[in-house]
Amino acid sequence: SLKKLLEACGPSFKVYDVDCALVVPTREELEAALAVASVVHLRGRDIATVCELLGLPELEPGLLAPAMTERFGVSYCVIADPRAGALVSSIAGEQVGMDIVEQGGGSLLGWHEAFLAAFVYHVFQGSTLARCCGAAVQYAQSVGATNRALSILAEPEIVTIKGQG
């Protein structure tokens, strides 16, 4: 039913947030989702599982991300880990890596969601891939550092996206 819903959406921007700690998809489910996704977001801990499901040798992020964009036509492949860094590859062949300076005492709850939200926001703003990745890391770290107390951050800018389905 999810596949039918996604197909009914037509040409729209679709984000697939892979989290194998919650549910490990079958190979068929993973490939079907990747075939319609605009952005795929992988957690570092899920690399081995995703490679195994796709019949790939376990690849490091710098090789897996471009393989995902090339093989499935995904616009962006994001591999992020709050302790190891972030790497983004685009279908245009660009790749950006970002080290993360760990801030002790913060919470990791919501880190990936904040990262992904900021990344997609900056993609829609037309930012460079480096800016998308950098802003995503910065926002995710601020969420962790504030223990999700986002009321201290500036009021978010409201963006209307036209023509995106």
C-alpha atoms as a PDB file:
ATOM      1  CA  SER A   1       0.000   0.000   0.000  1.00  0.00           C
ATOM      2  CA  LEU A   2       2.921   2.368   0.628  1.00  0.00           C
ATOM      3  CA  LYS A   3       4.198   1.718  -2.892  1.00  0.00           C
ATOM      4  CA  LYS A   4       0.766   2.590  -4.323  1.00  0.00           C
ATOM      5  CA  LEU A   5       0.671   5.799  -2.277  1.00  0.00           C
ATOM      6  CA  LEU A   6       4.137   6.839  -3.481  1.00  0.00           C
ATOM      7  CA  GLU A   7       3.249   6.100  -7.088  1.00  0.00           C
ATOM      8  CA  ALA A   8       0.061   8.154  -6.721  1.00  0.00           C
ATOM      9  CA  CYS A   9       2.156  11.127  -5.559  1.00  0.00           C
ATOM     10  CA  GLY A  10       3.596  11.390  -9.037  1.00  0.00           C
ATOM     11  CA  PRO A  11       6.683  13.492  -9.578  1.00  0.00           C
ATOM     12  CA  SER A  12       7.373  14.710  -6.063  1.00  0.00           C
ATOM     13  CA  PHE A  13      10.346  14.891  -3.726  1.00  0.00           C
ATOM     14  CA  LYS A  14      10.458  11.694  -1.672  1.00  0.00           C
ATOM     15  CA  VAL A  15      12.766  11.014   1.262  1.00  0.00           C
ATOM     16  CA  TYR A  16      13.575   7.465   2.340  1.00  0.00           C
ATOM     17  CA  ASP A  17      14.999   7.375   5.849  1.00  0.00           C
ATOM     18  CA  VAL A  18      16.463   3.887   6.266  1.00  0.00           C
ATOM     19  CA  ASP A  19      16.545   2.789   9.908  1.00  0.00           C
ATOM     20  CA  CYS A  20      17.261  -0.920  10.198  1.00  0.00           C
ATOM     21  CA  ALA A  21      17.114  -0.753  14.000  1.00  0.00           C
ATOM     22  CA  LEU A  22      13.347  -0.311  13.703  1.00  0.00           C
ATOM     23  CA  VAL A  23      12.520  -2.573  10.765  1.00  0.00           C
ATOM     24  CA  VAL A  24      14.860  -4.398   8.422  1.00  0.00           C
ATOM     25  CA  PRO A  25      13.326  -4.250   4.963  1.00  0.00           C
ATOM     26  CA  THR A  26      13.496  -7.117   2.523  1.00  0.00           C
ATOM     27  CA  ARG A  27      15.680  -6.694  -0.539  1.00  0.00           C
ATOM     28  CA  GLU A  28      12.572  -6.170  -2.660  1.00  0.00           C
ATOM     29  CA  GLU A  29      11.183  -3.507  -0.301  1.00  0.00           C
ATOM     30  CA  LEU A  30      14.512  -1.696  -0.175  1.00  0.00           C
ATOM     31  CA  GLU A  31      14.966  -1.713  -3.945  1.00  0.00           C
ATOM     32  CA  ALA A  32      11.363  -0.575  -4.532  1.00  0.00           C
ATOM     33  CA  ALA A  33      11.765   2.332  -2.107  1.00  0.00           C
ATOM     34  CA  LEU A  34      15.114   3.340  -3.601  1.00  0.00           C
ATOM     35  CA  ALA A  35      13.596   3.304  -7.087  1.00  0.00           C
ATOM     36  CA  VAL A  36      11.205   6.145  -6.152  1.00  0.00           C
ATOM     37  CA  ALA A  37      13.272   8.048  -3.557  1.00  0.00           C
ATOM     38  CA  SER A  38      14.780  11.469  -4.199  1.00  0.00           C
ATOM     39  CA  VAL A  39      16.901  11.317  -1.037  1.00  0.00           C
ATOM     40  CA  VAL A  40      18.030   8.220   0.807  1.00  0.00           C
ATOM     41  CA  HIS A  41      19.348   8.696   4.326  1.00  0.00           C
ATOM     42  CA  LEU A  42      21.402   5.925   5.916  1.00  0.00           C
ATOM     43  CA  ARG A  43      22.720   5.748   9.427  1.00  0.00           C
ATOM     44  CA  GLY A  44      26.326   4.608   9.678  1.00  0.00           C
ATOM     45  CA  ARG A  45      25.269   1.556  11.672  1.00  0.00           C
ATOM     46  CA  ASP A  46      23.055   0.369   8.797  1.00  0.00           C
ATOM     47  CA  ILE A  47      25.715   0.280   6.070  1.00  0.00           C
ATOM     48  CA  ALA A  48      26.524  -3.423   6.507  1.00  0.00           C
ATOM     49  CA  THR A  49      22.835  -4.422   6.485  1.00  0.00           C
ATOM     50  CA  VAL A  50      22.016  -2.339   3.396  1.00  0.00           C
ATOM     51  CA  CYS A  51      25.054  -3.675   1.518  1.00  0.00           C
ATOM     52  CA  GLU A  52      24.072  -7.236   2.390  1.00  0.00           C
ATOM     53  CA  LEU A  53      20.456  -6.697   1.301  1.00  0.00           C
ATOM     54  CA  LEU A  54      21.588  -5.254  -2.031  1.00  0.00           C
ATOM     55  CA  GLY A  55      24.123  -8.010  -2.615  1.00  0.00           C
ATOM     56  CA  LEU A  56      27.084  -5.626  -2.370  1.00  0.00           C
ATOM     57  CA  PRO A  57      30.324  -6.158  -0.498  1.00  0.00           C
ATOM     58  CA  GLU A  58      30.410  -3.977   2.626  1.00  0.00           C
ATOM     59  CA  LEU A  59      31.473  -0.622   1.245  1.00  0.00           C
ATOM     60  CA  GLU A  60      32.778   2.398   3.089  1.00  0.00           C
ATOM     61  CA  PRO A  61      30.517   5.476   2.888  1.00  0.00           C
ATOM     62  CA  GLY A  62      32.647   7.153   0.209  1.00  0.00           C
ATOM     63  CA  LEU A  63      31.947   4.265  -2.155  1.00  0.00           C
ATOM     64  CA  LEU A  64      28.433   3.299  -1.072  1.00  0.00           C
ATOM     65  CA  ALA A  65      26.872   6.761  -1.447  1.00  0.00           C
ATOM     66  CA  PRO A  66      27.781   7.242  -5.125  1.00  0.00           C
ATOM     67  CA  ALA A  67      26.876   3.612  -5.830  1.00  0.00           C
ATOM     68  CA  MET A  68      23.371   4.315  -4.482  1.00  0.00           C
ATOM     69  CA  THR A  69      22.893   7.422  -6.628  1.00  0.00           C
ATOM     70  CA  GLU A  70      24.196   5.710  -9.759  1.00  0.00           C
ATOM     71  CA  ARG A  71      22.423   2.376  -9.338  1.00  0.00           C
ATOM     72  CA  PHE A  72      19.021   3.696  -8.273  1.00  0.00           C
ATOM     73  CA  GLY A  73      18.922   7.230  -9.672  1.00  0.00           C
ATOM     74  CA  VAL A  74      18.511   8.686  -6.189  1.00  0.00           C
ATOM     75  CA  SER A  75      19.218  12.444  -6.330  1.00  0.00           C
ATOM     76  CA  TYR A  76      21.081  12.429  -3.008  1.00  0.00           C
ATOM     77  CA  CYS A  77      22.483   9.684  -0.809  1.00  0.00           C
ATOM     78  CA  VAL A  78      23.197  10.860   2.721  1.00  0.00           C
ATOM     79  CA  ILE A  79      25.179   8.712   5.142  1.00  0.00           C
ATOM     80  CA  ALA A  80      25.347  10.274   8.576  1.00  0.00           C
ATOM     81  CA  ASP A  81      26.639   9.294  11.978  1.00  0.00           C
ATOM     82  CA  PRO A  82      26.683  11.771  14.880  1.00  0.00           C
ATOM     83  CA  ARG A  83      30.034  10.390  16.037  1.00  0.00           C
ATOM     84  CA  ALA A  84      31.784   9.689  12.740  1.00  0.00           C
ATOM     85  CA  GLY A  85      30.658  12.378  10.304  1.00  0.00           C
ATOM     86  CA  ALA A  86      28.425  12.870   7.326  1.00  0.00           C
ATOM     87  CA  LEU A  87      28.862  12.156   3.650  1.00  0.00           C
ATOM     88  CA  VAL A  88      26.559  13.181   0.823  1.00  0.00           C
ATOM     89  CA  SER A  89      26.710  12.162  -2.828  1.00  0.00           C
ATOM     90  CA  SER A  90      24.553  13.632  -5.544  1.00  0.00           C
ATOM     91  CA  ILE A  91      23.422  12.113  -8.798  1.00  0.00           C
ATOM     92  CA  ALA A  92      25.458  14.857 -10.499  1.00  0.00           C
ATOM     93  CA  GLY A  93      28.611  13.162  -9.200  1.00  0.00           C
ATOM     94  CA  GLU A  94      29.357  15.623  -6.398  1.00  0.00           C
ATOM     95  CA  GLN A  95      30.440  14.307  -3.028  1.00  0.00           C
ATOM     96  CA  VAL A  96      30.869  16.212   0.235  1.00  0.00           C
ATOM     97  CA  GLY A  97      32.158  14.865   3.520  1.00  0.00           C
ATOM     98  CA  MET A  98      31.898  16.608   6.850  1.00  0.00           C
ATOM     99  CA  ASP A  99      33.678  15.742  10.074  1.00  0.00           C
ATOM    100  CA  ILE A 100      31.668  16.134  13.235  1.00  0.00           C
ATOM    101  CA  VAL A 101      33.115  17.625  16.369  1.00  0.00           C
ATOM    102  CA  GLU A 102      31.458  15.664  19.142  1.00  0.00           C
ATOM    103  CA  GLN A 103      29.893  17.846  21.785  1.00  0.00           C
ATOM    104  CA  GLY A 104      29.862  15.969  25.052  1.00  0.00           C
ATOM    105  CA  GLY A 105      26.819  15.918  27.264  1.00  0.00           C
ATOM    106  CA  GLY A 106      24.275  16.291  24.498  1.00  0.00           C
ATOM    107  CA  SER A 107      21.536  13.918  23.483  1.00  0.00           C
ATOM    108  CA  LEU A 108      21.506  12.031  20.211  1.00  0.00           C
ATOM    109  CA  LEU A 109      17.733  11.705  20.254  1.00  0.00           C
ATOM    110  CA  GLY A 110      16.444  13.421  17.149  1.00  0.00           C
ATOM    111  CA  TRP A 111      19.928  13.966  15.667  1.00  0.00           C
ATOM    112  CA  HIS A 112      19.220  12.122  12.397  1.00  0.00           C
ATOM    113  CA  GLU A 113      15.803  13.685  11.977  1.00  0.00           C
ATOM    114  CA  ALA A 114      17.213  17.188  12.520  1.00  0.00           C
ATOM    115  CA  PHE A 115      20.049  16.466  10.084  1.00  0.00           C
ATOM    116  CA  LEU A 116      17.678  15.258   7.406  1.00  0.00           C
ATOM    117  CA  ALA A 117      15.220  18.134   7.879  1.00  0.00           C
ATOM    118  CA  ALA A 118      17.968  20.759   7.552  1.00  0.00           C
ATOM    119  CA  PHE A 119      19.507  18.971   4.572  1.00  0.00           C
ATOM    120  CA  VAL A 120      16.218  18.856   2.647  1.00  0.00           C
ATOM    121  CA  TYR A 121      15.419  22.465   3.582  1.00  0.00           C
ATOM    122  CA  HIS A 122      18.728  23.639   2.113  1.00  0.00           C
ATOM    123  CA  VAL A 123      18.285  21.499  -1.010  1.00  0.00           C
ATOM    124  CA  PHE A 124      15.006  23.353  -1.628  1.00  0.00           C
ATOM    125  CA  GLN A 125      16.752  26.666  -1.012  1.00  0.00           C
ATOM    126  CA  GLY A 126      19.132  25.831  -3.860  1.00  0.00           C
ATOM    127  CA  SER A 127      22.171  25.734  -1.598  1.00  0.00           C
ATOM    128  CA  THR A 128      25.399  24.087  -2.657  1.00  0.00           C
ATOM    129  CA  LEU A 129      25.888  20.496  -1.577  1.00  0.00           C
ATOM    130  CA  ALA A 130      28.561  21.646   0.889  1.00  0.00           C
ATOM    131  CA  ARG A 131      26.143  24.163   2.425  1.00  0.00           C
ATOM    132  CA  CYS A 132      23.366  21.542   2.624  1.00  0.00           C
ATOM    133  CA  CYS A 133      25.647  19.129   4.460  1.00  0.00           C
ATOM    134  CA  GLY A 134      27.238  21.768   6.710  1.00  0.00           C
ATOM    135  CA  ALA A 135      23.915  23.284   7.728  1.00  0.00           C
ATOM    136  CA  ALA A 136      22.500  19.815   8.405  1.00  0.00           C
ATOM    137  CA  VAL A 137      25.399  18.934  10.707  1.00  0.00           C
ATOM    138  CA  GLN A 138      25.151  22.282  12.486  1.00  0.00           C
ATOM    139  CA  TYR A 139      21.405  21.971  13.075  1.00  0.00           C
ATOM    140  CA  ALA A 140      21.618  18.337  14.187  1.00  0.00           C
ATOM    141  CA  GLN A 141      24.344  19.228  16.672  1.00  0.00           C
ATOM    142  CA  SER A 142      22.325  22.140  18.016  1.00  0.00           C
ATOM    143  CA  VAL A 143      19.396  19.800  18.630  1.00  0.00           C
ATOM    144  CA  GLY A 144      21.646  17.411  20.530  1.00  0.00           C
ATOM    145  CA  ALA A 145      23.424  20.176  22.452  1.00  0.00           C
ATOM    146  CA  THR A 146      20.186  21.781  23.606  1.00  0.00           C
ATOM    147  CA  ASN A 147      18.696  18.467  24.659  1.00  0.00           C
ATOM    148  CA  ARG A 148      15.875  19.145  22.242  1.00  0.00           C
ATOM    149  CA  ALA A 149      15.106  22.520  23.861  1.00  0.00           C
ATOM    150  CA  LEU A 150      14.597  24.211  20.522  1.00  0.00           C
ATOM    151  CA  SER A 151      12.760  27.191  21.948  1.00  0.00           C
ATOM    152  CA  ILE A 152      16.116  28.966  22.335  1.00  0.00           C
ATOM    153  CA  LEU A 153      16.765  28.864  18.587  1.00  0.00           C
ATOM    154  CA  ALA A 154      15.612  31.601  16.264  1.00  0.00           C
ATOM    155  CA  GLU A 155      12.060  31.360  14.996  1.00  0.00           C
ATOM    156  CA  PRO A 156      12.075  29.202  11.869  1.00  0.00           C
ATOM    157  CA  GLU A 157      11.518  30.777   8.501  1.00  0.00           C
ATOM    158  CA  ILE A 158       8.342  29.546   6.821  1.00  0.00           C
ATOM    159  CA  VAL A 159       8.976  28.349   3.285  1.00  0.00           C
ATOM    160  CA  THR A 160       6.374  27.601   0.675  1.00  0.00           C
ATOM    161  CA  ILE A 161       7.526  25.177  -1.989  1.00  0.00           C
ATOM    162  CA  LYS A 162       5.580  25.406  -5.210  1.00  0.00           C
ATOM    163  CA  GLY A 163       5.458  22.812  -7.933  1.00  0.00           C
ATOM    164  CA  GLN A 164       6.884  19.993  -5.835  1.00  0.00           C
ATOM    165  CA  GLY A 165       3.747  17.849  -5.768  1.00  0.00           C
END
